[in-house]
N, C-alpha and C. Protein backbone atom coordinates (compact mmCIF):
# COMPACT_ATOMS: atom_id res chain seq x y z
N MET A 1 141.80 40.87 193.50
CA MET A 1 141.89 40.35 192.16
C MET A 1 140.67 39.45 191.91
N SER A 2 139.99 39.69 190.81
CA SER A 2 138.86 38.86 190.40
C SER A 2 139.39 37.46 190.09
N TYR A 3 138.53 36.45 190.32
CA TYR A 3 139.00 35.08 190.15
C TYR A 3 137.83 34.19 189.76
N LEU A 4 138.07 33.27 188.83
CA LEU A 4 137.07 32.31 188.41
C LEU A 4 137.60 30.90 188.64
N THR A 5 136.76 30.07 189.27
CA THR A 5 137.03 28.64 189.39
C THR A 5 135.81 27.92 188.86
N VAL A 6 136.03 26.94 187.99
CA VAL A 6 134.95 26.15 187.43
C VAL A 6 135.11 24.70 187.90
N PHE A 7 134.02 24.15 188.42
CA PHE A 7 134.00 22.79 188.94
C PHE A 7 133.00 21.95 188.17
N ASN A 8 133.19 20.63 188.21
CA ASN A 8 132.15 19.69 187.82
C ASN A 8 131.10 19.76 188.93
N ASP A 9 129.82 19.86 188.59
CA ASP A 9 128.80 20.08 189.63
C ASP A 9 128.57 18.88 190.54
N THR A 10 129.06 17.70 190.18
CA THR A 10 128.90 16.54 191.05
C THR A 10 130.17 16.20 191.82
N ASN A 11 131.23 16.99 191.57
CA ASN A 11 132.50 16.70 192.22
C ASN A 11 133.24 18.00 192.54
N PRO A 12 133.05 18.53 193.73
CA PRO A 12 133.71 19.78 194.09
C PRO A 12 135.23 19.67 194.18
N GLU A 13 135.74 18.45 194.11
CA GLU A 13 137.19 18.25 194.11
C GLU A 13 137.76 18.37 192.69
N GLN A 14 136.89 18.31 191.69
CA GLN A 14 137.33 18.34 190.30
C GLN A 14 137.27 19.77 189.76
N VAL A 15 138.42 20.45 189.80
CA VAL A 15 138.53 21.80 189.27
C VAL A 15 138.80 21.70 187.77
N LEU A 16 137.92 22.30 186.98
CA LEU A 16 138.06 22.25 185.53
C LEU A 16 138.85 23.44 184.99
N LEU A 17 138.80 24.57 185.72
CA LEU A 17 139.49 25.79 185.28
C LEU A 17 139.65 26.73 186.46
N GLN A 18 140.79 27.40 186.51
CA GLN A 18 141.02 28.48 187.47
C GLN A 18 141.72 29.60 186.72
N SER A 19 141.28 30.85 186.94
CA SER A 19 141.93 31.96 186.27
C SER A 19 141.64 33.29 186.96
N SER A 20 142.65 34.15 186.97
CA SER A 20 142.47 35.53 187.42
C SER A 20 142.59 36.49 186.23
N ASN A 21 142.74 35.95 185.03
CA ASN A 21 142.82 36.76 183.82
C ASN A 21 141.41 37.24 183.46
N VAL A 22 141.21 38.55 183.45
CA VAL A 22 139.88 39.11 183.22
C VAL A 22 139.32 38.69 181.87
N ASP A 23 140.16 38.62 180.85
CA ASP A 23 139.68 38.19 179.53
C ASP A 23 139.17 36.75 179.57
N VAL A 24 139.87 35.87 180.26
CA VAL A 24 139.44 34.48 180.38
C VAL A 24 138.14 34.41 181.17
N ILE A 25 138.07 35.17 182.26
CA ILE A 25 136.84 35.19 183.07
C ILE A 25 135.66 35.63 182.21
N GLN A 26 135.83 36.73 181.49
CA GLN A 26 134.75 37.23 180.64
C GLN A 26 134.34 36.20 179.58
N GLN A 27 135.32 35.58 178.92
CA GLN A 27 135.02 34.60 177.88
C GLN A 27 134.27 33.40 178.43
N GLN A 28 134.75 32.86 179.54
CA GLN A 28 134.12 31.68 180.14
C GLN A 28 132.68 31.98 180.58
N LEU A 29 132.50 33.13 181.21
CA LEU A 29 131.17 33.48 181.70
C LEU A 29 130.24 33.83 180.55
N GLN A 30 130.75 34.53 179.56
CA GLN A 30 129.93 34.87 178.40
C GLN A 30 129.43 33.60 177.71
N ALA A 31 130.29 32.60 177.59
CA ALA A 31 129.90 31.33 176.98
C ALA A 31 128.78 30.65 177.78
N ALA A 32 128.72 30.96 179.08
CA ALA A 32 127.68 30.40 179.96
C ALA A 32 126.46 31.33 180.06
N GLY A 33 126.49 32.46 179.32
CA GLY A 33 125.36 33.39 179.33
C GLY A 33 125.41 34.44 180.41
N VAL A 34 126.54 34.58 181.09
CA VAL A 34 126.70 35.51 182.21
C VAL A 34 127.54 36.70 181.76
N THR A 35 127.12 37.90 182.13
CA THR A 35 127.89 39.10 181.83
C THR A 35 128.85 39.40 182.98
N PHE A 36 130.09 39.67 182.63
CA PHE A 36 131.10 40.10 183.60
C PHE A 36 131.86 41.25 182.96
N ALA A 37 131.95 42.36 183.68
CA ALA A 37 132.65 43.54 183.16
C ALA A 37 133.32 44.27 184.32
N GLN A 38 134.13 45.23 183.99
CA GLN A 38 134.76 46.07 185.01
C GLN A 38 134.50 47.53 184.67
N TRP A 39 134.11 48.29 185.71
CA TRP A 39 133.83 49.72 185.58
C TRP A 39 134.82 50.49 186.43
N GLN A 40 135.02 51.74 186.09
CA GLN A 40 135.82 52.64 186.91
C GLN A 40 134.94 53.82 187.33
N ALA A 41 135.06 54.24 188.57
CA ALA A 41 134.26 55.37 189.07
C ALA A 41 134.76 56.66 188.43
N ASN A 42 133.82 57.59 188.19
CA ASN A 42 134.23 58.89 187.70
C ASN A 42 134.33 59.90 188.84
N ALA A 43 134.24 59.38 190.07
CA ALA A 43 134.39 60.20 191.28
C ALA A 43 134.90 59.27 192.38
N PRO A 44 135.63 59.81 193.35
CA PRO A 44 136.13 58.97 194.44
C PRO A 44 135.00 58.33 195.25
N VAL A 45 135.18 57.06 195.60
CA VAL A 45 134.22 56.34 196.43
C VAL A 45 135.00 55.72 197.58
N THR A 46 134.50 55.91 198.80
CA THR A 46 135.15 55.34 199.98
C THR A 46 134.13 54.53 200.78
N ALA A 47 134.59 53.89 201.82
CA ALA A 47 133.70 53.12 202.70
C ALA A 47 132.67 54.03 203.37
N ASP A 48 132.97 55.32 203.46
CA ASP A 48 132.05 56.27 204.09
C ASP A 48 131.12 56.95 203.11
N SER A 49 131.25 56.65 201.82
CA SER A 49 130.38 57.28 200.83
C SER A 49 128.93 56.86 201.05
N THR A 50 128.02 57.80 200.84
CA THR A 50 126.60 57.49 200.96
C THR A 50 126.11 56.79 199.69
N ALA A 51 124.94 56.18 199.78
CA ALA A 51 124.34 55.52 198.61
C ALA A 51 124.18 56.53 197.47
N GLU A 52 123.76 57.73 197.80
CA GLU A 52 123.57 58.76 196.78
C GLU A 52 124.89 59.13 196.11
N GLN A 53 125.96 59.23 196.86
CA GLN A 53 127.27 59.55 196.30
C GLN A 53 127.76 58.41 195.40
N ILE A 54 127.53 57.18 195.82
CA ILE A 54 127.96 56.02 195.04
C ILE A 54 127.20 55.95 193.72
N ILE A 55 125.89 56.11 193.79
CA ILE A 55 125.08 56.08 192.57
C ILE A 55 125.48 57.22 191.64
N ALA A 56 125.77 58.39 192.17
CA ALA A 56 126.20 59.53 191.35
C ALA A 56 127.55 59.24 190.69
N ALA A 57 128.45 58.58 191.40
CA ALA A 57 129.78 58.29 190.86
C ALA A 57 129.72 57.35 189.65
N TYR A 58 128.69 56.53 189.59
CA TYR A 58 128.53 55.57 188.50
C TYR A 58 127.29 55.88 187.64
N ALA A 59 126.85 57.12 187.66
CA ALA A 59 125.61 57.51 186.99
C ALA A 59 125.60 57.15 185.51
N ASP A 60 126.69 57.38 184.81
CA ASP A 60 126.72 57.10 183.37
C ASP A 60 126.56 55.61 183.09
N GLU A 61 127.29 54.78 183.83
CA GLU A 61 127.20 53.34 183.62
C GLU A 61 125.82 52.81 184.00
N ILE A 62 125.27 53.32 185.10
CA ILE A 62 123.93 52.91 185.53
C ILE A 62 122.90 53.29 184.48
N ALA A 63 122.97 54.51 183.98
CA ALA A 63 122.03 54.97 182.95
C ALA A 63 122.12 54.10 181.70
N ARG A 64 123.33 53.75 181.31
CA ARG A 64 123.52 52.91 180.13
C ARG A 64 122.88 51.52 180.34
N LEU A 65 123.09 50.93 181.52
CA LEU A 65 122.49 49.62 181.81
C LEU A 65 120.97 49.70 181.89
N LYS A 66 120.47 50.76 182.52
CA LYS A 66 119.01 50.92 182.62
C LYS A 66 118.39 51.04 181.24
N ALA A 67 119.01 51.79 180.36
CA ALA A 67 118.48 51.96 179.00
C ALA A 67 118.55 50.66 178.21
N ALA A 68 119.65 49.93 178.35
CA ALA A 68 119.84 48.70 177.57
C ALA A 68 118.98 47.54 178.08
N GLU A 69 118.81 47.45 179.39
CA GLU A 69 118.16 46.27 179.97
C GLU A 69 116.82 46.55 180.64
N GLY A 70 116.42 47.82 180.72
CA GLY A 70 115.12 48.16 181.30
C GLY A 70 115.05 48.11 182.81
N TYR A 71 116.18 48.22 183.48
CA TYR A 71 116.15 48.21 184.95
C TYR A 71 115.44 49.45 185.45
N ILE A 72 114.62 49.26 186.49
CA ILE A 72 113.83 50.38 187.00
C ILE A 72 114.21 50.77 188.42
N THR A 73 114.86 49.88 189.14
CA THR A 73 115.21 50.15 190.54
C THR A 73 116.73 49.98 190.71
N VAL A 74 117.34 50.96 191.39
CA VAL A 74 118.76 50.92 191.70
C VAL A 74 118.91 51.21 193.18
N ASP A 75 119.73 50.39 193.87
CA ASP A 75 120.02 50.69 195.27
C ASP A 75 121.45 50.28 195.58
N VAL A 76 121.85 50.49 196.80
CA VAL A 76 123.20 50.15 197.26
C VAL A 76 123.06 49.29 198.50
N ILE A 77 123.79 48.18 198.53
CA ILE A 77 123.86 47.33 199.72
C ILE A 77 125.28 47.40 200.27
N SER A 78 125.38 47.53 201.57
CA SER A 78 126.68 47.62 202.20
C SER A 78 126.65 46.84 203.50
N LEU A 79 127.62 45.95 203.65
CA LEU A 79 127.73 45.18 204.89
C LEU A 79 129.15 45.29 205.41
N SER A 80 129.26 45.35 206.72
CA SER A 80 130.56 45.43 207.37
C SER A 80 130.68 44.30 208.37
N PRO A 81 131.90 44.01 208.81
CA PRO A 81 132.10 42.91 209.76
C PRO A 81 131.34 43.08 211.08
N ASN A 82 130.95 44.30 211.42
CA ASN A 82 130.23 44.51 212.69
C ASN A 82 128.71 44.54 212.51
N HIS A 83 128.20 44.17 211.34
CA HIS A 83 126.75 44.14 211.11
C HIS A 83 126.13 43.09 212.03
N PRO A 84 125.10 43.44 212.80
CA PRO A 84 124.54 42.50 213.77
C PRO A 84 123.88 41.27 213.16
N ASP A 85 123.43 41.36 211.91
CA ASP A 85 122.74 40.23 211.27
C ASP A 85 123.59 39.54 210.21
N LYS A 86 124.90 39.71 210.27
CA LYS A 86 125.77 39.21 209.19
C LYS A 86 125.65 37.70 208.99
N GLN A 87 125.59 36.92 210.05
CA GLN A 87 125.51 35.47 209.90
C GLN A 87 124.15 35.03 209.33
N GLN A 88 123.09 35.67 209.78
CA GLN A 88 121.76 35.37 209.27
C GLN A 88 121.66 35.73 207.79
N LEU A 89 122.20 36.87 207.40
CA LEU A 89 122.19 37.28 205.99
C LEU A 89 123.04 36.34 205.14
N ARG A 90 124.19 35.95 205.67
CA ARG A 90 125.05 35.04 204.92
C ARG A 90 124.30 33.73 204.62
N GLN A 91 123.66 33.17 205.63
CA GLN A 91 122.95 31.91 205.45
C GLN A 91 121.81 32.04 204.43
N LYS A 92 121.13 33.17 204.44
CA LYS A 92 120.03 33.41 203.50
C LYS A 92 120.52 33.33 202.06
N PHE A 93 121.65 33.95 201.77
CA PHE A 93 122.16 34.02 200.40
C PHE A 93 122.89 32.73 199.99
N LEU A 94 123.28 31.89 200.96
CA LEU A 94 124.04 30.67 200.66
C LEU A 94 123.19 29.54 200.10
N ALA A 95 121.90 29.61 200.23
CA ALA A 95 121.03 28.56 199.69
C ALA A 95 120.84 28.78 198.19
N GLU A 96 120.93 27.70 197.41
CA GLU A 96 120.75 27.82 195.96
C GLU A 96 119.35 28.36 195.66
N HIS A 97 119.30 29.36 194.76
CA HIS A 97 118.04 29.98 194.40
C HIS A 97 118.11 30.55 192.99
N THR A 98 116.98 30.98 192.49
CA THR A 98 116.90 31.67 191.21
C THR A 98 116.11 32.96 191.41
N HIS A 99 116.12 33.78 190.39
CA HIS A 99 115.29 34.98 190.35
C HIS A 99 114.59 35.01 189.00
N SER A 100 113.44 35.65 188.94
CA SER A 100 112.72 35.76 187.67
C SER A 100 113.27 36.89 186.81
N GLU A 101 114.29 37.55 187.29
CA GLU A 101 114.97 38.61 186.54
C GLU A 101 116.48 38.43 186.71
N ASN A 102 117.25 39.14 185.91
CA ASN A 102 118.71 39.10 186.06
C ASN A 102 119.08 39.62 187.44
N GLU A 103 120.13 39.04 188.02
CA GLU A 103 120.68 39.57 189.27
C GLU A 103 121.95 40.33 188.90
N VAL A 104 121.89 41.65 189.03
CA VAL A 104 122.99 42.51 188.61
C VAL A 104 123.62 43.14 189.85
N ARG A 105 124.94 42.97 189.97
CA ARG A 105 125.68 43.55 191.10
C ARG A 105 126.97 44.18 190.57
N PHE A 106 127.23 45.38 191.07
CA PHE A 106 128.50 46.03 190.78
C PHE A 106 129.17 46.32 192.11
N PHE A 107 130.37 45.76 192.29
CA PHE A 107 131.09 45.89 193.56
C PHE A 107 131.88 47.20 193.59
N VAL A 108 131.48 48.07 194.50
CA VAL A 108 132.13 49.36 194.69
C VAL A 108 133.35 49.22 195.59
N ARG A 109 133.24 48.32 196.56
CA ARG A 109 134.37 48.02 197.44
C ARG A 109 134.17 46.62 198.00
N GLY A 110 135.27 46.03 198.45
CA GLY A 110 135.20 44.71 199.05
C GLY A 110 135.04 43.62 198.01
N GLN A 111 134.45 42.50 198.46
CA GLN A 111 134.33 41.34 197.58
C GLN A 111 133.15 40.46 197.97
N GLY A 112 132.77 39.59 197.04
CA GLY A 112 131.74 38.59 197.27
C GLY A 112 131.92 37.47 196.27
N LEU A 113 131.46 36.28 196.61
CA LEU A 113 131.63 35.10 195.78
C LEU A 113 130.28 34.66 195.22
N PHE A 114 130.11 34.81 193.90
CA PHE A 114 128.92 34.30 193.23
C PHE A 114 129.21 32.89 192.75
N CYS A 115 128.31 31.96 193.04
CA CYS A 115 128.44 30.57 192.64
C CYS A 115 127.25 30.25 191.75
N LEU A 116 127.54 29.94 190.48
CA LEU A 116 126.51 29.75 189.48
C LEU A 116 126.46 28.29 189.07
N HIS A 117 125.29 27.69 189.14
CA HIS A 117 125.10 26.28 188.78
C HIS A 117 124.49 26.24 187.39
N ILE A 118 125.34 26.08 186.39
CA ILE A 118 124.91 26.13 185.00
C ILE A 118 125.27 24.81 184.33
N GLY A 119 124.25 24.10 183.85
CA GLY A 119 124.49 22.80 183.24
C GLY A 119 125.11 21.87 184.26
N ALA A 120 126.21 21.22 183.87
CA ALA A 120 126.90 20.27 184.74
C ALA A 120 128.11 20.92 185.42
N LYS A 121 128.10 22.25 185.53
CA LYS A 121 129.24 22.95 186.12
C LYS A 121 128.79 23.93 187.21
N VAL A 122 129.72 24.21 188.10
CA VAL A 122 129.57 25.30 189.07
C VAL A 122 130.68 26.29 188.78
N TYR A 123 130.28 27.52 188.50
CA TYR A 123 131.22 28.62 188.25
C TYR A 123 131.27 29.47 189.51
N GLN A 124 132.44 29.53 190.14
CA GLN A 124 132.61 30.41 191.29
C GLN A 124 133.36 31.65 190.84
N VAL A 125 132.70 32.79 190.98
CA VAL A 125 133.27 34.06 190.52
C VAL A 125 133.52 34.94 191.74
N LEU A 126 134.80 35.15 192.06
CA LEU A 126 135.14 36.06 193.14
C LEU A 126 135.12 37.47 192.56
N CYS A 127 134.09 38.22 192.91
CA CYS A 127 133.94 39.60 192.43
C CYS A 127 134.55 40.54 193.45
N GLN A 128 135.30 41.50 192.93
CA GLN A 128 135.95 42.48 193.78
C GLN A 128 135.61 43.89 193.30
N GLN A 129 136.17 44.88 193.97
CA GLN A 129 135.92 46.27 193.60
C GLN A 129 136.10 46.46 192.10
N ASN A 130 135.15 47.14 191.48
CA ASN A 130 135.09 47.46 190.05
C ASN A 130 134.54 46.34 189.18
N ASP A 131 134.10 45.21 189.77
CA ASP A 131 133.53 44.11 189.00
C ASP A 131 132.01 44.23 188.93
N LEU A 132 131.48 44.01 187.73
CA LEU A 132 130.04 43.94 187.49
C LEU A 132 129.73 42.52 187.04
N ILE A 133 128.71 41.92 187.65
CA ILE A 133 128.24 40.61 187.21
C ILE A 133 126.74 40.69 187.02
N SER A 134 126.26 40.05 185.96
CA SER A 134 124.83 39.95 185.70
C SER A 134 124.51 38.48 185.49
N VAL A 135 123.84 37.90 186.49
CA VAL A 135 123.44 36.50 186.46
C VAL A 135 122.07 36.45 185.78
N PRO A 136 121.95 35.70 184.68
CA PRO A 136 120.67 35.67 183.96
C PRO A 136 119.51 35.14 184.80
N ALA A 137 118.33 35.63 184.50
CA ALA A 137 117.11 35.16 185.15
C ALA A 137 117.05 33.64 185.10
N ASN A 138 116.53 33.06 186.18
CA ASN A 138 116.30 31.61 186.29
C ASN A 138 117.58 30.77 186.33
N THR A 139 118.73 31.39 186.59
CA THR A 139 119.99 30.67 186.74
C THR A 139 120.16 30.28 188.21
N PRO A 140 120.25 29.00 188.52
CA PRO A 140 120.48 28.60 189.91
C PRO A 140 121.84 29.12 190.39
N HIS A 141 121.86 29.71 191.56
CA HIS A 141 123.10 30.27 192.10
C HIS A 141 122.97 30.50 193.59
N TRP A 142 124.10 30.83 194.21
CA TRP A 142 124.14 31.26 195.60
C TRP A 142 125.26 32.27 195.72
N PHE A 143 125.27 33.00 196.83
CA PHE A 143 126.23 34.08 197.03
C PHE A 143 126.82 33.95 198.42
N ASP A 144 128.15 34.10 198.50
CA ASP A 144 128.81 34.09 199.81
C ASP A 144 129.54 35.40 200.04
N MET A 145 129.20 36.03 201.14
CA MET A 145 129.84 37.29 201.52
C MET A 145 130.96 37.06 202.53
N GLY A 146 131.19 35.82 202.94
CA GLY A 146 132.21 35.50 203.92
C GLY A 146 131.70 35.67 205.34
N SER A 147 132.48 35.16 206.28
CA SER A 147 132.08 35.24 207.69
C SER A 147 132.24 36.64 208.27
N GLU A 148 133.07 37.45 207.65
CA GLU A 148 133.27 38.84 208.07
C GLU A 148 133.02 39.75 206.86
N PRO A 149 131.76 39.87 206.43
CA PRO A 149 131.46 40.61 205.20
C PRO A 149 131.93 42.06 205.27
N ASP A 150 132.49 42.51 204.16
CA ASP A 150 132.96 43.89 204.10
C ASP A 150 132.91 44.32 202.63
N PHE A 151 131.72 44.70 202.18
CA PHE A 151 131.56 45.08 200.78
C PHE A 151 130.44 46.10 200.62
N THR A 152 130.49 46.78 199.50
CA THR A 152 129.43 47.67 199.06
C THR A 152 129.18 47.37 197.60
N ALA A 153 127.93 47.22 197.22
CA ALA A 153 127.59 46.90 195.83
C ALA A 153 126.34 47.67 195.40
N ILE A 154 126.34 48.05 194.14
CA ILE A 154 125.17 48.64 193.51
C ILE A 154 124.34 47.48 192.96
N ARG A 155 123.03 47.54 193.19
CA ARG A 155 122.12 46.51 192.68
C ARG A 155 121.13 47.16 191.72
N LEU A 156 120.86 46.48 190.61
CA LEU A 156 119.87 46.95 189.65
C LEU A 156 118.80 45.89 189.48
N PHE A 157 117.53 46.33 189.41
CA PHE A 157 116.40 45.40 189.34
C PHE A 157 115.41 45.82 188.26
N ASN A 158 114.76 44.83 187.64
CA ASN A 158 113.59 45.07 186.79
C ASN A 158 112.33 45.05 187.63
N ASN A 159 112.40 44.37 188.76
CA ASN A 159 111.27 44.19 189.65
C ASN A 159 111.26 45.31 190.69
N PRO A 160 110.18 46.09 190.77
CA PRO A 160 110.15 47.17 191.77
C PRO A 160 110.22 46.65 193.21
N ASP A 161 109.96 45.36 193.42
CA ASP A 161 110.04 44.78 194.77
C ASP A 161 111.47 44.47 195.17
N GLY A 162 112.43 44.60 194.24
CA GLY A 162 113.83 44.33 194.56
C GLY A 162 114.13 42.85 194.56
N TRP A 163 114.93 42.40 195.55
CA TRP A 163 115.44 41.03 195.61
C TRP A 163 114.33 40.06 196.01
N VAL A 164 113.94 39.18 195.08
CA VAL A 164 112.94 38.15 195.34
C VAL A 164 113.54 36.83 194.88
N ALA A 165 113.76 35.92 195.82
CA ALA A 165 114.40 34.64 195.51
C ALA A 165 113.39 33.49 195.49
N HIS A 166 113.69 32.50 194.64
CA HIS A 166 112.93 31.26 194.56
C HIS A 166 113.94 30.14 194.89
N PHE A 167 113.86 29.61 196.10
CA PHE A 167 114.84 28.64 196.57
C PHE A 167 114.58 27.26 195.95
N SER A 168 115.67 26.60 195.54
CA SER A 168 115.56 25.30 194.85
C SER A 168 115.37 24.14 195.81
N GLY A 169 115.80 24.28 197.05
CA GLY A 169 115.75 23.18 198.01
C GLY A 169 116.95 22.25 197.91
N SER A 170 117.82 22.49 196.94
CA SER A 170 119.02 21.67 196.76
C SER A 170 120.05 22.00 197.83
N ASP A 171 120.86 21.00 198.19
CA ASP A 171 121.94 21.23 199.14
C ASP A 171 123.29 21.41 198.45
N ILE A 172 123.31 21.63 197.14
CA ILE A 172 124.54 21.72 196.38
C ILE A 172 125.49 22.77 196.95
N ALA A 173 124.97 23.87 197.43
CA ALA A 173 125.82 24.96 197.93
C ALA A 173 126.67 24.53 199.12
N THR A 174 126.21 23.53 199.86
CA THR A 174 126.96 23.08 201.04
C THR A 174 128.17 22.23 200.66
N LYS A 175 128.27 21.84 199.39
CA LYS A 175 129.33 20.93 198.96
C LYS A 175 130.55 21.64 198.37
N PHE A 176 130.44 22.94 198.12
CA PHE A 176 131.52 23.66 197.44
C PHE A 176 132.19 24.64 198.39
N PRO A 177 133.46 24.98 198.09
CA PRO A 177 134.20 25.89 198.97
C PRO A 177 133.53 27.26 199.08
N LEU A 178 133.71 27.89 200.23
CA LEU A 178 133.18 29.23 200.47
C LEU A 178 134.31 30.17 200.87
N LEU A 179 133.98 31.43 201.02
CA LEU A 179 134.97 32.40 201.53
C LEU A 179 135.22 32.14 203.00
N ALA A 180 136.36 32.53 203.47
CA ALA A 180 136.71 32.33 204.89
C ALA A 180 135.84 33.19 205.78
């Protein structure tokens, strides 16, 4: 189940909002400039599906996003609990950073926690299978895949180099709850 928790950015104990209602999640994130949507595959997707099969299953939605937003690169990222670099990858994404382009992720399976630092708030969005999130360019954020990552996501980029982060140097991410 998708879930949104909003905190005061200076007090991780102060929860301003919690909701699993998709309409509330969409409204809250839209007001903050973030896109949140849900897609359904037009073909079966499993943990064993190849990147090509996954991209084909969502071809219509991907084409629509590419046309609307000018994305030029599409790939699939998949991590499992037995990935040898899982802890190193988790730490890399946990540091607050920005991108010069939107960060677009569509979760095909599993889950991940996007934490967005917008204004005086931190929005924690637990994205699960069928969730699409688009974090606007230059939005400070971090991502937690958990200690035992198990997810597959489609990524869309405007930058042919793919994922390029600009780290803020802030320790804010260490102050808020993470996935187990």
